[in-house]
N, C-alpha and C. Protein backbone atom coordinates (compact mmCIF):
# COMPACT_ATOMS: atom_id res chain seq x y z
N MET A 1 -137.83 211.33 -85.02
CA MET A 1 -137.89 209.97 -85.56
C MET A 1 -139.33 209.63 -85.93
N ILE A 2 -139.48 209.02 -87.09
CA ILE A 2 -140.81 208.56 -87.53
C ILE A 2 -140.95 207.09 -87.15
N LYS A 3 -142.05 206.79 -86.44
CA LYS A 3 -142.34 205.41 -86.03
C LYS A 3 -143.40 204.85 -86.97
N ILE A 4 -143.09 203.67 -87.53
CA ILE A 4 -143.97 203.00 -88.48
C ILE A 4 -144.62 201.81 -87.77
N GLY A 5 -145.92 201.64 -87.94
CA GLY A 5 -146.60 200.45 -87.45
C GLY A 5 -146.92 199.55 -88.62
N ILE A 6 -146.37 198.34 -88.62
CA ILE A 6 -146.61 197.37 -89.70
C ILE A 6 -147.67 196.38 -89.21
N THR A 7 -148.72 196.20 -90.00
CA THR A 7 -149.75 195.23 -89.62
C THR A 7 -150.24 194.47 -90.83
N GLY A 8 -151.08 193.51 -90.59
CA GLY A 8 -151.65 192.67 -91.63
C GLY A 8 -152.09 191.38 -91.00
N GLY A 9 -152.98 190.67 -91.65
CA GLY A 9 -153.49 189.43 -91.09
C GLY A 9 -152.48 188.30 -91.18
N ILE A 10 -152.80 187.20 -90.53
CA ILE A 10 -151.95 186.01 -90.56
C ILE A 10 -151.74 185.59 -92.02
N GLY A 11 -150.48 185.32 -92.38
CA GLY A 11 -150.17 184.89 -93.73
C GLY A 11 -150.05 186.00 -94.76
N SER A 12 -150.16 187.25 -94.30
CA SER A 12 -150.10 188.38 -95.26
C SER A 12 -148.67 188.68 -95.69
N GLY A 13 -147.70 188.35 -94.86
CA GLY A 13 -146.30 188.62 -95.19
C GLY A 13 -145.71 189.79 -94.42
N LYS A 14 -146.23 190.06 -93.23
CA LYS A 14 -145.69 191.14 -92.39
C LYS A 14 -144.20 190.95 -92.13
N SER A 15 -143.82 189.71 -91.85
CA SER A 15 -142.41 189.41 -91.53
C SER A 15 -141.49 189.70 -92.70
N VAL A 16 -141.98 189.42 -93.91
CA VAL A 16 -141.18 189.69 -95.12
C VAL A 16 -140.96 191.19 -95.26
N ILE A 17 -142.02 191.97 -95.07
CA ILE A 17 -141.92 193.43 -95.18
C ILE A 17 -141.02 193.97 -94.06
N ALA A 18 -141.16 193.42 -92.84
CA ALA A 18 -140.29 193.83 -91.73
C ALA A 18 -138.83 193.57 -92.09
N SER A 19 -138.55 192.42 -92.69
CA SER A 19 -137.17 192.09 -93.10
C SER A 19 -136.66 193.05 -94.16
N LEU A 20 -137.52 193.39 -95.14
CA LEU A 20 -137.11 194.33 -96.18
C LEU A 20 -136.84 195.72 -95.58
N LEU A 21 -137.63 196.13 -94.61
CA LEU A 21 -137.37 197.41 -93.94
C LEU A 21 -136.04 197.36 -93.19
N GLU A 22 -135.79 196.24 -92.49
CA GLU A 22 -134.52 196.10 -91.77
C GLU A 22 -133.34 196.16 -92.73
N LEU A 23 -133.46 195.50 -93.89
CA LEU A 23 -132.39 195.54 -94.89
C LEU A 23 -132.20 196.96 -95.44
N SER A 24 -133.25 197.78 -95.34
CA SER A 24 -133.18 199.18 -95.79
C SER A 24 -132.72 200.11 -94.67
N GLY A 25 -132.30 199.53 -93.54
CA GLY A 25 -131.77 200.34 -92.44
C GLY A 25 -132.79 200.80 -91.41
N VAL A 26 -134.00 200.23 -91.45
CA VAL A 26 -135.03 200.59 -90.48
C VAL A 26 -135.11 199.49 -89.42
N PRO A 27 -134.74 199.80 -88.16
CA PRO A 27 -134.87 198.78 -87.11
C PRO A 27 -136.34 198.45 -86.86
N VAL A 28 -136.64 197.15 -86.66
CA VAL A 28 -138.02 196.73 -86.47
C VAL A 28 -138.17 195.95 -85.17
N TYR A 29 -139.13 196.36 -84.37
CA TYR A 29 -139.50 195.72 -83.11
C TYR A 29 -140.63 194.73 -83.43
N ILE A 30 -140.42 193.45 -83.14
CA ILE A 30 -141.42 192.43 -83.44
C ILE A 30 -142.28 192.23 -82.18
N ALA A 31 -143.47 192.81 -82.17
CA ALA A 31 -144.31 192.85 -80.97
C ALA A 31 -144.65 191.45 -80.45
N ASP A 32 -144.94 190.50 -81.34
CA ASP A 32 -145.33 189.17 -80.89
C ASP A 32 -144.19 188.50 -80.12
N THR A 33 -142.99 188.56 -80.68
CA THR A 33 -141.82 187.97 -80.02
C THR A 33 -141.54 188.66 -78.69
N GLU A 34 -141.57 189.98 -78.70
CA GLU A 34 -141.28 190.75 -77.48
C GLU A 34 -142.34 190.54 -76.41
N SER A 35 -143.62 190.42 -76.81
CA SER A 35 -144.67 190.23 -75.80
C SER A 35 -144.53 188.86 -75.13
N LYS A 36 -144.15 187.85 -75.90
CA LYS A 36 -143.92 186.51 -75.31
C LYS A 36 -142.76 186.58 -74.31
N GLN A 37 -141.69 187.27 -74.69
CA GLN A 37 -140.54 187.42 -73.81
C GLN A 37 -140.92 188.18 -72.54
N LEU A 38 -141.66 189.28 -72.71
CA LEU A 38 -142.06 190.09 -71.56
C LEU A 38 -143.02 189.33 -70.63
N THR A 39 -143.88 188.50 -71.20
CA THR A 39 -144.81 187.73 -70.38
C THR A 39 -144.03 186.76 -69.49
N GLU A 40 -142.88 186.32 -69.97
CA GLU A 40 -142.01 185.45 -69.18
C GLU A 40 -141.20 186.22 -68.13
N THR A 41 -140.74 187.43 -68.50
CA THR A 41 -139.72 188.10 -67.68
C THR A 41 -140.18 189.34 -66.92
N SER A 42 -141.27 189.98 -67.33
CA SER A 42 -141.69 191.22 -66.69
C SER A 42 -142.31 190.96 -65.32
N PRO A 43 -141.73 191.55 -64.26
CA PRO A 43 -142.32 191.38 -62.93
C PRO A 43 -143.72 191.98 -62.84
N VAL A 44 -143.97 193.05 -63.60
CA VAL A 44 -145.29 193.69 -63.60
C VAL A 44 -146.34 192.74 -64.17
N ILE A 45 -146.03 192.14 -65.33
CA ILE A 45 -146.96 191.21 -65.96
C ILE A 45 -147.16 189.99 -65.07
N ARG A 46 -146.07 189.46 -64.54
CA ARG A 46 -146.16 188.27 -63.68
C ARG A 46 -147.05 188.53 -62.47
N GLU A 47 -146.84 189.65 -61.83
CA GLU A 47 -147.62 189.99 -60.63
C GLU A 47 -149.11 190.09 -60.96
N LYS A 48 -149.43 190.76 -62.05
CA LYS A 48 -150.84 190.97 -62.41
C LYS A 48 -151.50 189.68 -62.89
N LEU A 49 -150.76 188.86 -63.65
CA LEU A 49 -151.34 187.59 -64.12
C LEU A 49 -151.55 186.61 -62.97
N THR A 50 -150.60 186.56 -62.03
CA THR A 50 -150.77 185.65 -60.89
C THR A 50 -151.90 186.14 -59.98
N ALA A 51 -152.10 187.45 -59.89
CA ALA A 51 -153.23 187.98 -59.11
C ALA A 51 -154.55 187.54 -59.76
N LEU A 52 -154.55 187.44 -61.07
CA LEU A 52 -155.75 187.07 -61.81
C LEU A 52 -156.00 185.56 -61.79
N PHE A 53 -154.93 184.76 -61.96
CA PHE A 53 -155.10 183.32 -62.16
C PHE A 53 -154.46 182.44 -61.07
N GLY A 54 -153.71 183.03 -60.14
CA GLY A 54 -153.10 182.23 -59.08
C GLY A 54 -151.62 181.99 -59.30
N GLU A 55 -150.96 181.64 -58.19
CA GLU A 55 -149.50 181.46 -58.17
C GLU A 55 -149.01 180.33 -59.08
N THR A 56 -149.87 179.36 -59.37
CA THR A 56 -149.43 178.20 -60.17
C THR A 56 -149.25 178.55 -61.65
N LEU A 57 -149.62 179.76 -62.05
CA LEU A 57 -149.47 180.16 -63.45
C LEU A 57 -148.00 180.21 -63.87
N TYR A 58 -147.13 180.49 -62.91
CA TYR A 58 -145.69 180.49 -63.18
C TYR A 58 -145.05 179.37 -62.36
N THR A 59 -144.21 178.59 -63.03
CA THR A 59 -143.48 177.52 -62.36
C THR A 59 -142.01 177.90 -62.34
N ALA A 60 -141.17 177.02 -61.85
CA ALA A 60 -139.72 177.26 -61.85
C ALA A 60 -139.20 177.44 -63.28
N GLU A 61 -139.89 176.80 -64.25
CA GLU A 61 -139.50 176.91 -65.67
C GLU A 61 -140.04 178.17 -66.32
N GLY A 62 -140.95 178.87 -65.66
CA GLY A 62 -141.53 180.08 -66.24
C GLY A 62 -143.04 179.98 -66.36
N LEU A 63 -143.59 180.74 -67.30
CA LEU A 63 -145.03 180.79 -67.51
C LEU A 63 -145.57 179.45 -67.97
N ASP A 64 -146.66 178.99 -67.36
CA ASP A 64 -147.34 177.77 -67.80
C ASP A 64 -148.30 178.20 -68.92
N LYS A 65 -147.82 178.11 -70.16
CA LYS A 65 -148.58 178.61 -71.31
C LYS A 65 -149.89 177.84 -71.50
N LYS A 66 -149.87 176.54 -71.23
CA LYS A 66 -151.09 175.73 -71.38
C LYS A 66 -152.16 176.19 -70.39
N GLN A 67 -151.73 176.47 -69.16
CA GLN A 67 -152.69 176.93 -68.15
C GLN A 67 -153.26 178.29 -68.55
N LEU A 68 -152.39 179.18 -69.01
CA LEU A 68 -152.86 180.51 -69.44
C LEU A 68 -153.85 180.35 -70.60
N ALA A 69 -153.51 179.51 -71.57
CA ALA A 69 -154.39 179.27 -72.72
C ALA A 69 -155.74 178.72 -72.27
N SER A 70 -155.73 177.83 -71.27
CA SER A 70 -156.99 177.25 -70.80
C SER A 70 -157.89 178.32 -70.16
N HIS A 71 -157.29 179.33 -69.56
CA HIS A 71 -158.07 180.41 -68.93
C HIS A 71 -158.70 181.34 -69.97
N ILE A 72 -158.00 181.55 -71.09
CA ILE A 72 -158.48 182.57 -72.04
C ILE A 72 -159.17 181.98 -73.28
N PHE A 73 -158.94 180.70 -73.59
CA PHE A 73 -159.52 180.11 -74.79
C PHE A 73 -161.04 180.12 -74.68
N GLY A 74 -161.70 180.71 -75.66
CA GLY A 74 -163.16 180.77 -75.68
C GLY A 74 -163.76 181.68 -74.62
N ASN A 75 -162.92 182.50 -73.98
CA ASN A 75 -163.41 183.41 -72.95
C ASN A 75 -162.95 184.84 -73.29
N PRO A 76 -163.71 185.54 -74.13
CA PRO A 76 -163.28 186.87 -74.59
C PRO A 76 -163.04 187.87 -73.46
N GLU A 77 -163.79 187.73 -72.36
CA GLU A 77 -163.63 188.67 -71.24
C GLU A 77 -162.26 188.47 -70.57
N ARG A 78 -161.90 187.21 -70.36
CA ARG A 78 -160.58 186.91 -69.75
C ARG A 78 -159.45 187.33 -70.70
N LEU A 79 -159.63 187.08 -72.00
CA LEU A 79 -158.62 187.48 -72.98
C LEU A 79 -158.42 189.00 -72.92
N LYS A 80 -159.52 189.73 -72.82
CA LYS A 80 -159.45 191.18 -72.73
C LYS A 80 -158.66 191.62 -71.48
N GLU A 81 -158.90 190.92 -70.36
CA GLU A 81 -158.18 191.23 -69.11
C GLU A 81 -156.67 190.98 -69.26
N VAL A 82 -156.33 189.85 -69.89
CA VAL A 82 -154.92 189.51 -70.09
C VAL A 82 -154.26 190.52 -71.02
N ASN A 83 -154.95 190.88 -72.11
CA ASN A 83 -154.41 191.88 -73.03
C ASN A 83 -154.22 193.23 -72.34
N ALA A 84 -155.13 193.57 -71.43
CA ALA A 84 -155.02 194.85 -70.70
C ALA A 84 -153.81 194.86 -69.77
N ILE A 85 -153.31 193.69 -69.44
CA ILE A 85 -152.09 193.58 -68.61
C ILE A 85 -150.85 193.62 -69.50
N ILE A 86 -150.87 192.85 -70.60
CA ILE A 86 -149.68 192.68 -71.43
C ILE A 86 -149.44 193.86 -72.38
N HIS A 87 -150.48 194.35 -73.06
CA HIS A 87 -150.29 195.39 -74.07
C HIS A 87 -149.64 196.67 -73.54
N PRO A 88 -150.03 197.19 -72.37
CA PRO A 88 -149.36 198.40 -71.87
C PRO A 88 -147.86 198.19 -71.62
N GLU A 89 -147.49 197.00 -71.16
CA GLU A 89 -146.07 196.71 -70.92
C GLU A 89 -145.30 196.62 -72.23
N VAL A 90 -145.90 195.99 -73.24
CA VAL A 90 -145.26 195.91 -74.56
C VAL A 90 -145.11 197.32 -75.12
N ASN A 91 -146.14 198.13 -74.95
CA ASN A 91 -146.12 199.51 -75.42
C ASN A 91 -144.96 200.27 -74.76
N ARG A 92 -144.84 200.16 -73.44
CA ARG A 92 -143.73 200.83 -72.72
C ARG A 92 -142.37 200.33 -73.21
N HIS A 93 -142.29 199.02 -73.40
CA HIS A 93 -141.03 198.40 -73.85
C HIS A 93 -140.66 198.90 -75.25
N PHE A 94 -141.67 198.97 -76.14
CA PHE A 94 -141.43 199.48 -77.49
C PHE A 94 -140.95 200.93 -77.45
N GLN A 95 -141.61 201.76 -76.65
CA GLN A 95 -141.24 203.19 -76.54
C GLN A 95 -139.79 203.33 -76.08
N ALA A 96 -139.41 202.54 -75.07
CA ALA A 96 -138.04 202.59 -74.56
C ALA A 96 -137.06 202.12 -75.64
N TRP A 97 -137.43 201.07 -76.36
CA TRP A 97 -136.60 200.55 -77.46
C TRP A 97 -136.45 201.61 -78.54
N ALA A 98 -137.57 202.24 -78.93
CA ALA A 98 -137.56 203.26 -79.99
C ALA A 98 -136.67 204.44 -79.59
N ASP A 99 -136.73 204.83 -78.32
CA ASP A 99 -135.91 205.95 -77.83
C ASP A 99 -134.41 205.67 -77.97
N LYS A 100 -134.03 204.40 -77.97
CA LYS A 100 -132.61 204.03 -78.07
C LYS A 100 -132.12 203.94 -79.51
N GLN A 101 -133.05 203.95 -80.47
CA GLN A 101 -132.65 203.82 -81.88
C GLN A 101 -132.07 205.15 -82.38
N ASP A 102 -130.99 205.02 -83.13
CA ASP A 102 -130.30 206.20 -83.65
C ASP A 102 -130.51 206.29 -85.16
N THR A 103 -131.77 206.24 -85.57
CA THR A 103 -132.13 206.25 -86.98
C THR A 103 -133.32 207.20 -87.19
N PRO A 104 -133.51 207.71 -88.41
CA PRO A 104 -134.66 208.59 -88.64
C PRO A 104 -136.00 207.86 -88.65
N LEU A 105 -135.95 206.53 -88.88
CA LEU A 105 -137.16 205.72 -88.92
C LEU A 105 -136.97 204.47 -88.06
N CYS A 106 -138.04 204.02 -87.44
CA CYS A 106 -138.05 202.70 -86.80
C CYS A 106 -139.46 202.16 -86.94
N ALA A 107 -139.66 200.88 -86.65
CA ALA A 107 -140.97 200.28 -86.88
C ALA A 107 -141.31 199.26 -85.80
N ILE A 108 -142.60 199.01 -85.67
CA ILE A 108 -143.11 197.92 -84.84
C ILE A 108 -143.97 197.06 -85.74
N GLU A 109 -143.74 195.75 -85.71
CA GLU A 109 -144.58 194.82 -86.47
C GLU A 109 -145.55 194.19 -85.50
N SER A 110 -146.86 194.33 -85.78
CA SER A 110 -147.89 193.79 -84.89
C SER A 110 -149.13 193.42 -85.69
N ALA A 111 -149.53 192.15 -85.59
CA ALA A 111 -150.75 191.71 -86.26
C ALA A 111 -151.97 192.43 -85.68
N ILE A 112 -151.84 192.87 -84.42
CA ILE A 112 -152.97 193.51 -83.73
C ILE A 112 -152.67 194.99 -83.45
N LEU A 113 -152.09 195.66 -84.43
CA LEU A 113 -151.69 197.07 -84.28
C LEU A 113 -152.87 197.93 -83.81
N PHE A 114 -154.02 197.75 -84.43
CA PHE A 114 -155.19 198.58 -84.10
C PHE A 114 -155.92 198.06 -82.87
N GLU A 115 -156.04 196.73 -82.77
CA GLU A 115 -156.75 196.14 -81.63
C GLU A 115 -156.04 196.41 -80.31
N SER A 116 -154.71 196.46 -80.34
CA SER A 116 -153.92 196.64 -79.12
C SER A 116 -153.74 198.11 -78.74
N GLY A 117 -154.03 199.00 -79.68
CA GLY A 117 -153.80 200.42 -79.42
C GLY A 117 -152.39 200.87 -79.77
N PHE A 118 -151.55 199.95 -80.29
CA PHE A 118 -150.18 200.33 -80.66
C PHE A 118 -150.19 201.38 -81.77
N ASN A 119 -151.28 201.42 -82.55
CA ASN A 119 -151.37 202.42 -83.62
C ASN A 119 -151.31 203.85 -83.07
N ARG A 120 -151.65 204.02 -81.80
CA ARG A 120 -151.63 205.37 -81.20
C ARG A 120 -150.21 205.84 -80.87
N VAL A 121 -149.22 204.94 -80.90
CA VAL A 121 -147.85 205.34 -80.57
C VAL A 121 -146.95 205.39 -81.80
N VAL A 122 -147.56 205.17 -82.98
CA VAL A 122 -146.78 205.27 -84.22
C VAL A 122 -147.26 206.48 -85.01
N ASP A 123 -146.41 206.93 -85.93
CA ASP A 123 -146.75 208.09 -86.76
C ASP A 123 -147.44 207.69 -88.06
N VAL A 124 -147.14 206.48 -88.53
CA VAL A 124 -147.62 206.01 -89.82
C VAL A 124 -147.97 204.53 -89.69
N SER A 125 -149.11 204.13 -90.25
CA SER A 125 -149.46 202.70 -90.24
C SER A 125 -149.37 202.15 -91.66
N LEU A 126 -148.76 200.97 -91.76
CA LEU A 126 -148.53 200.30 -93.03
C LEU A 126 -149.16 198.92 -92.97
N MET A 127 -150.14 198.66 -93.83
CA MET A 127 -150.76 197.35 -93.86
C MET A 127 -150.18 196.52 -95.00
N VAL A 128 -149.90 195.27 -94.69
CA VAL A 128 -149.47 194.32 -95.71
C VAL A 128 -150.71 193.51 -96.07
N TYR A 129 -151.09 193.59 -97.34
CA TYR A 129 -152.32 192.95 -97.80
C TYR A 129 -152.01 191.79 -98.75
N ALA A 130 -152.70 190.68 -98.53
CA ALA A 130 -152.64 189.54 -99.46
C ALA A 130 -154.04 188.95 -99.56
N PRO A 131 -154.42 188.46 -100.73
CA PRO A 131 -155.74 187.85 -100.89
C PRO A 131 -155.91 186.64 -99.95
N MET A 132 -157.14 186.39 -99.56
CA MET A 132 -157.45 185.32 -98.60
C MET A 132 -156.85 183.97 -98.97
N GLU A 133 -157.03 183.53 -100.22
CA GLU A 133 -156.52 182.20 -100.62
C GLU A 133 -155.00 182.14 -100.54
N VAL A 134 -154.34 183.24 -100.86
CA VAL A 134 -152.87 183.29 -100.76
C VAL A 134 -152.46 183.15 -99.30
N ARG A 135 -153.16 183.85 -98.42
CA ARG A 135 -152.87 183.78 -96.98
C ARG A 135 -153.07 182.37 -96.44
N ILE A 136 -154.19 181.76 -96.82
CA ILE A 136 -154.49 180.40 -96.35
C ILE A 136 -153.38 179.45 -96.80
N ARG A 137 -153.00 179.54 -98.09
CA ARG A 137 -151.96 178.65 -98.62
C ARG A 137 -150.64 178.84 -97.86
N ARG A 138 -150.26 180.10 -97.61
CA ARG A 138 -149.00 180.37 -96.91
C ARG A 138 -149.01 179.77 -95.50
N VAL A 139 -150.11 179.95 -94.80
CA VAL A 139 -150.18 179.44 -93.42
C VAL A 139 -150.18 177.91 -93.41
N LEU A 140 -150.88 177.30 -94.36
CA LEU A 140 -150.89 175.83 -94.45
C LEU A 140 -149.49 175.29 -94.71
N GLU A 141 -148.72 176.01 -95.55
CA GLU A 141 -147.34 175.58 -95.86
C GLU A 141 -146.42 175.78 -94.66
N ARG A 142 -146.72 176.78 -93.85
CA ARG A 142 -145.84 177.17 -92.74
C ARG A 142 -146.15 176.43 -91.44
N ASP A 143 -147.44 176.32 -91.12
CA ASP A 143 -147.86 175.77 -89.83
C ASP A 143 -148.46 174.38 -90.01
N ALA A 144 -148.43 173.61 -88.93
CA ALA A 144 -149.10 172.31 -88.93
C ALA A 144 -150.54 172.55 -88.50
N ALA A 145 -151.36 173.04 -89.43
CA ALA A 145 -152.75 173.38 -89.11
C ALA A 145 -153.64 172.94 -90.26
N SER A 146 -154.91 172.70 -89.93
CA SER A 146 -155.88 172.35 -90.97
C SER A 146 -156.39 173.63 -91.62
N ARG A 147 -156.97 173.47 -92.79
CA ARG A 147 -157.54 174.62 -93.51
C ARG A 147 -158.61 175.29 -92.64
N GLU A 148 -159.44 174.48 -91.97
CA GLU A 148 -160.51 175.02 -91.11
C GLU A 148 -159.92 175.84 -89.97
N GLU A 149 -158.84 175.34 -89.38
CA GLU A 149 -158.20 176.05 -88.28
C GLU A 149 -157.62 177.39 -88.76
N VAL A 150 -157.01 177.38 -89.93
CA VAL A 150 -156.44 178.61 -90.50
C VAL A 150 -157.56 179.62 -90.75
N ILE A 151 -158.66 179.17 -91.32
CA ILE A 151 -159.79 180.06 -91.60
C ILE A 151 -160.35 180.62 -90.28
N ARG A 152 -160.41 179.78 -89.25
CA ARG A 152 -160.89 180.24 -87.94
C ARG A 152 -159.96 181.31 -87.38
N ARG A 153 -158.64 181.08 -87.51
CA ARG A 153 -157.67 182.06 -87.01
C ARG A 153 -157.79 183.38 -87.76
N ILE A 154 -157.96 183.31 -89.07
CA ILE A 154 -158.15 184.52 -89.88
C ILE A 154 -159.43 185.24 -89.44
N GLY A 155 -160.48 184.46 -89.20
CA GLY A 155 -161.76 185.03 -88.79
C GLY A 155 -161.72 185.70 -87.42
N SER A 156 -160.76 185.31 -86.60
CA SER A 156 -160.67 185.91 -85.25
C SER A 156 -159.94 187.26 -85.27
N GLN A 157 -159.34 187.59 -86.40
CA GLN A 157 -158.60 188.85 -86.52
C GLN A 157 -159.49 189.94 -87.13
N LEU A 158 -159.07 191.18 -86.91
CA LEU A 158 -159.77 192.32 -87.51
C LEU A 158 -159.77 192.12 -89.03
N PRO A 159 -160.92 192.27 -89.69
CA PRO A 159 -160.98 192.04 -91.14
C PRO A 159 -160.02 192.96 -91.92
N ASP A 160 -159.50 192.42 -93.01
CA ASP A 160 -158.56 193.17 -93.87
C ASP A 160 -159.12 194.51 -94.31
N GLU A 161 -160.40 194.51 -94.68
CA GLU A 161 -160.99 195.77 -95.17
C GLU A 161 -160.95 196.86 -94.11
N VAL A 162 -161.13 196.47 -92.85
CA VAL A 162 -161.08 197.44 -91.74
C VAL A 162 -159.63 197.92 -91.55
N LYS A 163 -158.68 196.97 -91.59
CA LYS A 163 -157.27 197.34 -91.45
C LYS A 163 -156.83 198.27 -92.58
N LYS A 164 -157.30 197.95 -93.79
CA LYS A 164 -156.95 198.77 -94.96
C LYS A 164 -157.45 200.20 -94.77
N GLU A 165 -158.69 200.30 -94.32
CA GLU A 165 -159.32 201.62 -94.13
C GLU A 165 -158.58 202.44 -93.07
N LYS A 166 -158.10 201.78 -92.02
CA LYS A 166 -157.44 202.48 -90.91
C LYS A 166 -155.97 202.79 -91.21
N SER A 167 -155.39 202.11 -92.19
CA SER A 167 -153.96 202.25 -92.47
C SER A 167 -153.66 203.43 -93.38
N ASP A 168 -152.48 204.03 -93.19
CA ASP A 168 -152.04 205.15 -94.01
C ASP A 168 -151.51 204.67 -95.37
N TYR A 169 -150.87 203.49 -95.38
CA TYR A 169 -150.29 202.92 -96.60
C TYR A 169 -150.62 201.44 -96.66
N VAL A 170 -150.69 200.91 -97.88
CA VAL A 170 -150.91 199.47 -98.08
C VAL A 170 -149.87 198.96 -99.06
N ILE A 171 -149.24 197.85 -98.70
CA ILE A 171 -148.34 197.14 -99.61
C ILE A 171 -149.03 195.85 -100.00
N PHE A 172 -149.08 195.56 -101.30
CA PHE A 172 -149.76 194.37 -101.80
C PHE A 172 -148.75 193.23 -101.95
N ASN A 173 -148.96 192.18 -101.17
CA ASN A 173 -148.09 191.01 -101.19
C ASN A 173 -148.89 189.83 -101.73
N ASP A 174 -149.24 189.93 -103.01
CA ASP A 174 -150.10 188.93 -103.62
C ASP A 174 -149.33 187.94 -104.49
N GLY A 175 -148.01 188.06 -104.49
CA GLY A 175 -147.20 187.16 -105.31
C GLY A 175 -147.09 187.63 -106.75
N LYS A 176 -147.78 188.71 -107.10
CA LYS A 176 -147.75 189.23 -108.48
C LYS A 176 -146.98 190.54 -108.55
N GLN A 177 -147.18 191.40 -107.55
CA GLN A 177 -146.51 192.70 -107.53
C GLN A 177 -145.21 192.59 -106.73
N ALA A 178 -144.14 193.11 -107.28
CA ALA A 178 -142.84 193.06 -106.60
C ALA A 178 -142.89 193.88 -105.31
N LEU A 179 -142.31 193.32 -104.26
CA LEU A 179 -142.36 193.99 -102.95
C LEU A 179 -141.34 195.10 -102.80
N LEU A 180 -140.11 194.86 -103.27
CA LEU A 180 -139.04 195.84 -103.06
C LEU A 180 -139.38 197.23 -103.60
N PRO A 181 -139.93 197.35 -104.83
CA PRO A 181 -140.28 198.69 -105.31
C PRO A 181 -141.36 199.35 -104.43
N GLN A 182 -142.29 198.56 -103.91
CA GLN A 182 -143.33 199.12 -103.03
C GLN A 182 -142.72 199.62 -101.72
N VAL A 183 -141.82 198.83 -101.16
CA VAL A 183 -141.16 199.22 -99.89
C VAL A 183 -140.30 200.46 -100.13
N THR A 184 -139.57 200.48 -101.24
CA THR A 184 -138.70 201.62 -101.57
C THR A 184 -139.52 202.89 -101.74
N ALA A 185 -140.65 202.79 -102.46
CA ALA A 185 -141.52 203.96 -102.67
C ALA A 185 -142.09 204.45 -101.34
N PHE A 186 -142.48 203.52 -100.48
CA PHE A 186 -143.02 203.86 -99.16
C PHE A 186 -141.96 204.62 -98.35
N LEU A 187 -140.74 204.10 -98.33
CA LEU A 187 -139.67 204.73 -97.55
C LEU A 187 -139.30 206.11 -98.13
N GLU A 188 -139.31 206.22 -99.45
CA GLU A 188 -139.02 207.51 -100.08
C GLU A 188 -140.06 208.57 -99.68
N LYS A 189 -141.34 208.16 -99.64
CA LYS A 189 -142.41 209.08 -99.20
C LYS A 189 -142.15 209.55 -97.77
N LEU A 190 -141.78 208.62 -96.91
CA LEU A 190 -141.56 208.98 -95.52
C LEU A 190 -140.33 209.87 -95.36
N ARG A 191 -139.28 209.55 -96.07
CA ARG A 191 -138.03 210.31 -95.93
C ARG A 191 -138.15 211.71 -96.52
N SER A 192 -139.12 211.91 -97.44
CA SER A 192 -139.26 213.23 -98.06
C SER A 192 -140.27 214.11 -97.28
N ARG A 193 -140.79 213.59 -96.21
CA ARG A 193 -141.77 214.38 -95.40
C ARG A 193 -141.13 215.58 -94.77
């Protein structure tokens, strides 16, 4: 089985490409969704996070997200510690999920494919690229955020040029080039390997 890693910055259209892959018969693991779920339900993550931040981090309702955010916001060292707890569990969960797939291809969608090390468990990396202004416009239309906040969020991610350089394939989601032919060509390349 060939494992594909889908990445791209906020507003690039990773979710659209993930959907097109799913429609083409490629199961896709959404790392962001799964990591949130695992942070709520994984006993390993819970134990390690409470050891780091105290028993009050989890309530009867689950993870106190505001408290966790207060610990890591503006504190890169704490964020690194939290990621070192969560990323290995997401990685294990993805591997177990991938092992259950009965298809020649499967994928993981992750905005932080390279930063998290998930790129080391996939065979091929696919970056979804969109120009900065297109990304800003998409996020402004989607989220209740200011332009400054969107730019700050984009600035906190690995730059597009670095992601492009590290990726095996790039799909351009600029609103001008059709996506389906690019996805089809990408899948044909993989299937003919």
